[in-house]
Amino acid sequence: MLGPADVRELAAALGVRPTKQRGQNFVIDANTVRRIIRTAEVRPDDTVVEVGPGLGSLTLALLEAAEWVTAVEIDDVLAGALPTTVAARLPHRADHFALVHSDAMQVTELPGPPPSALVANLPYNVAVPVLLHMLATFPTIERTLVMVQAEVADRLAAPPGSKVYGVPSVKAAWYAEVKRAGSIGRNVFWPAPNVDSGLVSLVRRTEPVRTSATRRQVFAVVDAAFAQRRKTLRAALAGWAGSAAAAEAALVAAGVSPQARGESLTVEEFAAIAEHGPRG
């Protein structure tokens, strides 16, 4: 485990200063790392993918708990240093670790066995797109636990009808059962962020959403519905359908009131609308 002194020492040796541009805040509290591993229910046979490992606080704990860990890191200095940190601190586990030096949004394949879990302290400025990309690209990921900004955690786990229910909520629900899994204080990070953090658990659906529409088609409806939140779906989906009348026809066919708003609909209802809309 890396304590506060270890983290600062490693950072100083590498000349690393966490950057806001990349949403970097390094975890310096070993108890928080243990809590993440416990909450994620990491198993000895798991292949875990971690995005944004930073200096390796969580990586080392994952390596002790799982069979295999692949870390995806965009930062040149951090990516160069992490294998050395792993070899120095967990030499007997170094051959169960792989590093992918890349932007997570560009990753389409990973070394080692297919990942069964995603556990990460996600860079806050790209948390939602990275999460959705990983779930879409690696269908073998069954369990996910991510630490994100508290506000983002609330959005991801929000149910229909909630004030913060929106695009991230619906798209996450397409893949998984989503719930808040705890709160994280600011003092466990270096530097301390000016926002609170939260843990989000996502367990992939055993049965996908039943629909003849593709994910792309369903997500197009979701994006259109929330682009103009205050409008009724008849008005908000007019551009998507080609006209307000066509939007109304699709809504009625799907069994959804044209006067409803996007924040009241489940992912299944969005899928039903997509089935009756334009193809392409």
Foldseek 3Di string as FASTA:
>chain_A
DAAPVNLVVVCVVLVHDDDLVQLDWAFHDLVVLVVLCVLQVAAQAFEEEEEACAQPSNVLVSLVHYQAYEYEAQDPSSLVCNLVVCCVPPVVSSVRYHYHHHDLLPDQDDPDDQGQEYEYAHRAVCVLVSVLSCVVRRVNHFKYKYKYFPLVLCQCQPDQPDPSDALNVQSLVQFFNKDWRAWAAQVSIVVRDPTTMTMMMTGGDPDGQDAPADPVLLSVLRCQLRVPQVAFQLVSCQVVQVGSVSLCVLCVQLVHHSRHGSSRDHSNSSRSSSRSGDDD
